[in-house]
Amino acid sequence: MHQPTPASLAVDETPLPPTPVALEQALEQALEQSHEVKAKVEACAEDLALANEQAKKSIAAGATTLPARQTLDHNASVETKVQECADDLDSVTKTLAQGIDELKLVEVALASSKTA
């Protein structure tokens, strides 16, 4: 009788593809992050629209200059929010890329199981 050698006992080290549940969770997370970013961007747009409306009213009332410090502070606040949105979108992009990579692994595993 043939005794197995250590080489014949080697375990296949091919990474297992993610489960459909893991893929679904990753894509749901990306979708949720996308909705959150959308809400933040909409809030920034609304904030800018209100500031612009106030500036227009001041100009219509005869103002020839607007308070520079207040305007700069407001713009810096909106800029910070927009940067946070950009960072969040980067996270969404990475999550989606990970989901796509995992989906490709599942497709490869499915294709190889069909040929086996």
N, C-alpha and C. Protein backbone atom coordinates (compact mmCIF):
# COMPACT_ATOMS: atom_id res chain seq x y z
N MET A 1 0.84 -1.18 0.00
CA MET A 1 0.00 0.00 0.00
C MET A 1 0.88 1.24 0.00
N HIS A 2 0.47 2.23 -0.77
CA HIS A 2 1.26 3.46 -0.95
C HIS A 2 1.00 4.42 0.21
N GLN A 3 2.07 4.87 0.85
CA GLN A 3 1.96 5.84 1.93
C GLN A 3 1.98 7.25 1.34
N PRO A 4 1.07 8.13 1.75
CA PRO A 4 1.10 9.50 1.22
C PRO A 4 2.33 10.23 1.71
N THR A 5 2.91 11.01 0.83
CA THR A 5 4.06 11.83 1.19
C THR A 5 3.56 13.20 1.60
N PRO A 6 4.40 13.95 2.31
CA PRO A 6 3.98 15.30 2.70
C PRO A 6 3.56 16.15 1.51
N ALA A 7 4.23 15.99 0.38
CA ALA A 7 3.87 16.78 -0.80
C ALA A 7 2.48 16.44 -1.29
N SER A 8 2.09 15.16 -1.19
CA SER A 8 0.77 14.77 -1.66
C SER A 8 -0.32 15.20 -0.69
N LEU A 9 0.06 15.57 0.53
CA LEU A 9 -0.91 16.04 1.52
C LEU A 9 -1.07 17.55 1.50
N ALA A 10 -0.35 18.21 0.63
CA ALA A 10 -0.39 19.67 0.58
C ALA A 10 -1.81 20.15 0.35
N VAL A 11 -2.15 21.18 1.03
CA VAL A 11 -3.48 21.76 0.92
C VAL A 11 -3.48 22.80 -0.19
N ASP A 12 -4.55 22.80 -0.96
CA ASP A 12 -4.69 23.80 -2.01
C ASP A 12 -4.79 25.17 -1.34
N GLU A 13 -3.86 26.06 -1.65
CA GLU A 13 -3.83 27.37 -1.00
C GLU A 13 -4.52 28.45 -1.83
N THR A 14 -5.29 28.04 -2.82
CA THR A 14 -6.05 29.01 -3.61
C THR A 14 -7.07 29.65 -2.69
N PRO A 15 -7.12 30.98 -2.65
CA PRO A 15 -8.09 31.62 -1.75
C PRO A 15 -9.52 31.27 -2.17
N LEU A 16 -10.31 31.01 -1.18
CA LEU A 16 -11.71 30.71 -1.45
C LEU A 16 -12.43 31.99 -1.88
N PRO A 17 -13.33 31.85 -2.82
CA PRO A 17 -14.08 33.05 -3.22
C PRO A 17 -15.01 33.46 -2.08
N PRO A 18 -15.34 34.72 -2.03
CA PRO A 18 -16.25 35.18 -0.97
C PRO A 18 -17.62 34.56 -1.16
N THR A 19 -18.32 34.48 -0.07
CA THR A 19 -19.68 33.94 -0.14
C THR A 19 -20.61 34.99 -0.74
N PRO A 20 -21.71 34.55 -1.31
CA PRO A 20 -22.68 35.52 -1.83
C PRO A 20 -23.14 36.50 -0.75
N VAL A 21 -23.22 36.03 0.49
CA VAL A 21 -23.64 36.91 1.59
C VAL A 21 -22.62 38.02 1.80
N ALA A 22 -21.32 37.66 1.74
CA ALA A 22 -20.27 38.68 1.92
C ALA A 22 -20.31 39.70 0.79
N LEU A 23 -20.54 39.22 -0.43
CA LEU A 23 -20.65 40.14 -1.57
C LEU A 23 -21.83 41.07 -1.38
N GLU A 24 -22.95 40.50 -0.99
CA GLU A 24 -24.16 41.30 -0.80
C GLU A 24 -23.93 42.35 0.28
N GLN A 25 -23.29 41.96 1.36
CA GLN A 25 -23.02 42.91 2.45
C GLN A 25 -22.10 44.03 1.98
N ALA A 26 -21.07 43.71 1.22
CA ALA A 26 -20.15 44.73 0.73
C ALA A 26 -20.86 45.71 -0.19
N LEU A 27 -21.69 45.19 -1.07
CA LEU A 27 -22.40 46.06 -2.00
C LEU A 27 -23.48 46.88 -1.29
N GLU A 28 -24.15 46.27 -0.29
CA GLU A 28 -25.13 47.03 0.50
C GLU A 28 -24.45 48.15 1.27
N GLN A 29 -23.25 47.89 1.78
CA GLN A 29 -22.49 48.92 2.49
C GLN A 29 -22.15 50.06 1.55
N ALA A 30 -21.72 49.73 0.36
CA ALA A 30 -21.39 50.77 -0.62
C ALA A 30 -22.62 51.59 -0.97
N LEU A 31 -23.76 50.92 -1.13
CA LEU A 31 -25.00 51.62 -1.44
C LEU A 31 -25.39 52.56 -0.31
N GLU A 32 -25.28 52.09 0.91
CA GLU A 32 -25.61 52.93 2.07
C GLU A 32 -24.68 54.14 2.14
N GLN A 33 -23.39 53.91 1.92
CA GLN A 33 -22.43 55.02 1.93
C GLN A 33 -22.76 56.01 0.83
N SER A 34 -23.16 55.50 -0.30
CA SER A 34 -23.51 56.36 -1.43
C SER A 34 -24.69 57.26 -1.07
N HIS A 35 -25.70 56.68 -0.41
CA HIS A 35 -26.86 57.48 0.00
C HIS A 35 -26.46 58.55 1.02
N GLU A 36 -25.55 58.19 1.93
CA GLU A 36 -25.10 59.15 2.94
C GLU A 36 -24.34 60.31 2.28
N VAL A 37 -23.49 59.99 1.33
CA VAL A 37 -22.72 61.03 0.63
C VAL A 37 -23.67 61.93 -0.15
N LYS A 38 -24.65 61.33 -0.80
CA LYS A 38 -25.63 62.12 -1.56
C LYS A 38 -26.33 63.12 -0.64
N ALA A 39 -26.73 62.66 0.54
CA ALA A 39 -27.40 63.55 1.49
C ALA A 39 -26.47 64.69 1.93
N LYS A 40 -25.19 64.38 2.15
CA LYS A 40 -24.23 65.42 2.55
C LYS A 40 -24.03 66.44 1.42
N VAL A 41 -23.90 65.95 0.20
CA VAL A 41 -23.70 66.86 -0.94
C VAL A 41 -24.93 67.75 -1.12
N GLU A 42 -26.12 67.16 -0.97
CA GLU A 42 -27.35 67.96 -1.08
C GLU A 42 -27.41 69.02 0.01
N ALA A 43 -26.97 68.67 1.23
CA ALA A 43 -26.95 69.65 2.32
C ALA A 43 -25.97 70.78 2.01
N CYS A 44 -24.82 70.44 1.45
CA CYS A 44 -23.84 71.47 1.06
C CYS A 44 -24.43 72.39 -0.01
N ALA A 45 -25.09 71.81 -1.00
CA ALA A 45 -25.69 72.61 -2.06
C ALA A 45 -26.76 73.53 -1.50
N GLU A 46 -27.55 73.02 -0.57
CA GLU A 46 -28.60 73.85 0.05
C GLU A 46 -27.97 74.97 0.87
N ASP A 47 -26.92 74.65 1.59
CA ASP A 47 -26.21 75.65 2.39
C ASP A 47 -25.66 76.77 1.51
N LEU A 48 -25.03 76.39 0.39
CA LEU A 48 -24.51 77.39 -0.54
C LEU A 48 -25.63 78.21 -1.16
N ALA A 49 -26.74 77.56 -1.50
CA ALA A 49 -27.87 78.28 -2.10
C ALA A 49 -28.42 79.31 -1.12
N LEU A 50 -28.52 78.96 0.15
CA LEU A 50 -29.01 79.91 1.16
C LEU A 50 -28.05 81.09 1.31
N ALA A 51 -26.75 80.80 1.33
CA ALA A 51 -25.75 81.87 1.45
C ALA A 51 -25.81 82.79 0.24
N ASN A 52 -25.97 82.21 -0.94
CA ASN A 52 -26.06 83.03 -2.14
C ASN A 52 -27.33 83.87 -2.14
N GLU A 53 -28.42 83.30 -1.67
CA GLU A 53 -29.68 84.04 -1.61
C GLU A 53 -29.57 85.22 -0.64
N GLN A 54 -28.89 84.99 0.49
CA GLN A 54 -28.69 86.08 1.45
C GLN A 54 -27.82 87.17 0.84
N ALA A 55 -26.78 86.79 0.12
CA ALA A 55 -25.91 87.78 -0.52
C ALA A 55 -26.70 88.58 -1.56
N LYS A 56 -27.54 87.91 -2.33
CA LYS A 56 -28.35 88.59 -3.35
C LYS A 56 -29.31 89.59 -2.69
N LYS A 57 -29.90 89.19 -1.58
CA LYS A 57 -30.82 90.10 -0.87
C LYS A 57 -30.07 91.32 -0.34
N SER A 58 -28.88 91.09 0.19
CA SER A 58 -28.08 92.21 0.70
C SER A 58 -27.72 93.16 -0.41
N ILE A 59 -27.35 92.62 -1.56
CA ILE A 59 -26.98 93.46 -2.70
C ILE A 59 -28.21 94.21 -3.21
N ALA A 60 -29.35 93.51 -3.26
CA ALA A 60 -30.59 94.16 -3.73
C ALA A 60 -31.01 95.27 -2.78
N ALA A 61 -30.67 95.14 -1.50
CA ALA A 61 -31.02 96.16 -0.51
C ALA A 61 -30.03 97.33 -0.52
N GLY A 62 -29.03 97.25 -1.39
CA GLY A 62 -28.11 98.37 -1.53
C GLY A 62 -26.73 98.13 -0.99
N ALA A 63 -26.47 96.96 -0.46
CA ALA A 63 -25.12 96.69 0.07
C ALA A 63 -24.13 96.65 -1.09
N THR A 64 -23.02 97.32 -0.90
CA THR A 64 -21.99 97.30 -1.95
C THR A 64 -20.83 96.40 -1.53
N THR A 65 -20.78 96.05 -0.25
CA THR A 65 -19.77 95.10 0.23
C THR A 65 -20.45 94.14 1.19
N LEU A 66 -19.94 92.95 1.28
CA LEU A 66 -20.45 91.96 2.23
C LEU A 66 -19.36 91.68 3.25
N PRO A 67 -19.75 91.26 4.45
CA PRO A 67 -18.74 90.98 5.49
C PRO A 67 -17.80 89.86 5.05
N ALA A 68 -16.55 90.22 4.82
CA ALA A 68 -15.58 89.27 4.28
C ALA A 68 -15.31 88.11 5.24
N ARG A 69 -15.13 88.39 6.53
CA ARG A 69 -14.81 87.35 7.51
C ARG A 69 -15.94 86.32 7.56
N GLN A 70 -17.16 86.78 7.61
CA GLN A 70 -18.32 85.88 7.67
C GLN A 70 -18.38 85.01 6.40
N THR A 71 -18.17 85.62 5.26
CA THR A 71 -18.21 84.90 4.00
C THR A 71 -17.10 83.86 3.93
N LEU A 72 -15.88 84.24 4.34
CA LEU A 72 -14.76 83.30 4.33
C LEU A 72 -15.00 82.13 5.29
N ASP A 73 -15.50 82.44 6.48
CA ASP A 73 -15.78 81.37 7.45
C ASP A 73 -16.82 80.39 6.91
N HIS A 74 -17.86 80.95 6.31
CA HIS A 74 -18.91 80.10 5.75
C HIS A 74 -18.37 79.23 4.63
N ASN A 75 -17.60 79.84 3.74
CA ASN A 75 -17.02 79.08 2.63
C ASN A 75 -16.07 77.99 3.12
N ALA A 76 -15.30 78.27 4.16
CA ALA A 76 -14.39 77.27 4.72
C ALA A 76 -15.17 76.10 5.30
N SER A 77 -16.29 76.40 5.93
CA SER A 77 -17.14 75.34 6.49
C SER A 77 -17.69 74.45 5.39
N VAL A 78 -18.18 75.06 4.32
CA VAL A 78 -18.72 74.29 3.20
C VAL A 78 -17.59 73.50 2.53
N GLU A 79 -16.43 74.11 2.40
CA GLU A 79 -15.28 73.42 1.80
C GLU A 79 -14.94 72.15 2.59
N THR A 80 -14.96 72.25 3.91
CA THR A 80 -14.67 71.10 4.77
C THR A 80 -15.70 70.00 4.54
N LYS A 81 -16.97 70.37 4.45
CA LYS A 81 -18.03 69.39 4.21
C LYS A 81 -17.86 68.71 2.85
N VAL A 82 -17.51 69.50 1.85
CA VAL A 82 -17.32 68.94 0.50
C VAL A 82 -16.12 67.99 0.50
N GLN A 83 -15.05 68.33 1.22
CA GLN A 83 -13.88 67.43 1.30
C GLN A 83 -14.27 66.13 1.99
N GLU A 84 -15.09 66.21 3.03
CA GLU A 84 -15.57 64.99 3.69
C GLU A 84 -16.35 64.12 2.71
N CYS A 85 -17.15 64.76 1.88
CA CYS A 85 -17.92 64.03 0.87
C CYS A 85 -16.98 63.34 -0.12
N ALA A 86 -15.94 64.04 -0.53
CA ALA A 86 -14.97 63.45 -1.45
C ALA A 86 -14.29 62.24 -0.80
N ASP A 87 -13.95 62.35 0.47
CA ASP A 87 -13.34 61.23 1.19
C ASP A 87 -14.32 60.06 1.28
N ASP A 88 -15.59 60.37 1.57
CA ASP A 88 -16.61 59.33 1.63
C ASP A 88 -16.78 58.64 0.28
N LEU A 89 -16.75 59.42 -0.78
CA LEU A 89 -16.88 58.84 -2.12
C LEU A 89 -15.69 57.94 -2.43
N ASP A 90 -14.51 58.30 -1.95
CA ASP A 90 -13.34 57.44 -2.14
C ASP A 90 -13.56 56.11 -1.43
N SER A 91 -14.14 56.15 -0.25
CA SER A 91 -14.43 54.93 0.49
C SER A 91 -15.46 54.08 -0.26
N VAL A 92 -16.49 54.73 -0.80
CA VAL A 92 -17.50 54.00 -1.58
C VAL A 92 -16.84 53.35 -2.79
N THR A 93 -15.98 54.07 -3.46
CA THR A 93 -15.29 53.55 -4.64
C THR A 93 -14.46 52.31 -4.27
N LYS A 94 -13.75 52.38 -3.15
CA LYS A 94 -12.95 51.24 -2.71
C LYS A 94 -13.83 50.04 -2.37
N THR A 95 -14.96 50.29 -1.72
CA THR A 95 -15.88 49.21 -1.37
C THR A 95 -16.44 48.57 -2.63
N LEU A 96 -16.80 49.39 -3.60
CA LEU A 96 -17.32 48.85 -4.86
C LEU A 96 -16.24 48.07 -5.61
N ALA A 97 -15.02 48.57 -5.62
CA ALA A 97 -13.93 47.86 -6.28
C ALA A 97 -13.69 46.51 -5.62
N GLN A 98 -13.76 46.49 -4.29
CA GLN A 98 -13.59 45.23 -3.56
C GLN A 98 -14.72 44.27 -3.93
N GLY A 99 -15.95 44.77 -4.00
CA GLY A 99 -17.08 43.93 -4.38
C GLY A 99 -16.92 43.36 -5.78
N ILE A 100 -16.42 44.18 -6.68
CA ILE A 100 -16.19 43.72 -8.06
C ILE A 100 -15.11 42.65 -8.09
N ASP A 101 -14.02 42.87 -7.34
CA ASP A 101 -12.95 41.87 -7.28
C ASP A 101 -13.47 40.55 -6.71
N GLU A 102 -14.29 40.64 -5.66
CA GLU A 102 -14.84 39.43 -5.06
C GLU A 102 -15.80 38.73 -6.02
N LEU A 103 -16.56 39.50 -6.76
CA LEU A 103 -17.47 38.92 -7.74
C LEU A 103 -16.68 38.18 -8.82
N LYS A 104 -15.55 38.74 -9.24
CA LYS A 104 -14.70 38.07 -10.22
C LYS A 104 -14.19 36.74 -9.68
N LEU A 105 -13.81 36.71 -8.39
CA LEU A 105 -13.37 35.46 -7.78
C LEU A 105 -14.47 34.41 -7.80
N VAL A 106 -15.68 34.85 -7.51
CA VAL A 106 -16.83 33.93 -7.53
C VAL A 106 -17.04 33.39 -8.94
N GLU A 107 -16.94 34.27 -9.93
CA GLU A 107 -17.13 33.84 -11.32
C GLU A 107 -16.06 32.83 -11.73
N VAL A 108 -14.81 33.07 -11.32
CA VAL A 108 -13.72 32.13 -11.64
C VAL A 108 -13.98 30.79 -10.96
N ALA A 109 -14.37 30.83 -9.69
CA ALA A 109 -14.63 29.59 -8.96
C ALA A 109 -15.81 28.83 -9.59
N LEU A 110 -16.82 29.56 -10.01
CA LEU A 110 -17.98 28.92 -10.65
C LEU A 110 -17.57 28.30 -11.96
N ALA A 111 -16.79 29.01 -12.76
CA ALA A 111 -16.34 28.48 -14.04
C ALA A 111 -15.48 27.24 -13.85
N SER A 112 -14.58 27.27 -12.87
CA SER A 112 -13.71 26.11 -12.65
C SER A 112 -14.50 24.93 -12.09
N SER A 113 -15.54 25.19 -11.31
CA SER A 113 -16.34 24.08 -10.78
C SER A 113 -17.17 23.43 -11.87
N LYS A 114 -17.53 24.20 -12.89
CA LYS A 114 -18.28 23.64 -14.02
C LYS A 114 -17.40 22.74 -14.89
N THR A 115 -16.10 23.06 -14.95
CA THR A 115 -15.20 22.26 -15.77
C THR A 115 -14.67 21.05 -15.02
N ALA A 116 -14.82 21.05 -13.70
CA ALA A 116 -14.30 19.93 -12.88
C ALA A 116 -15.21 18.73 -12.92
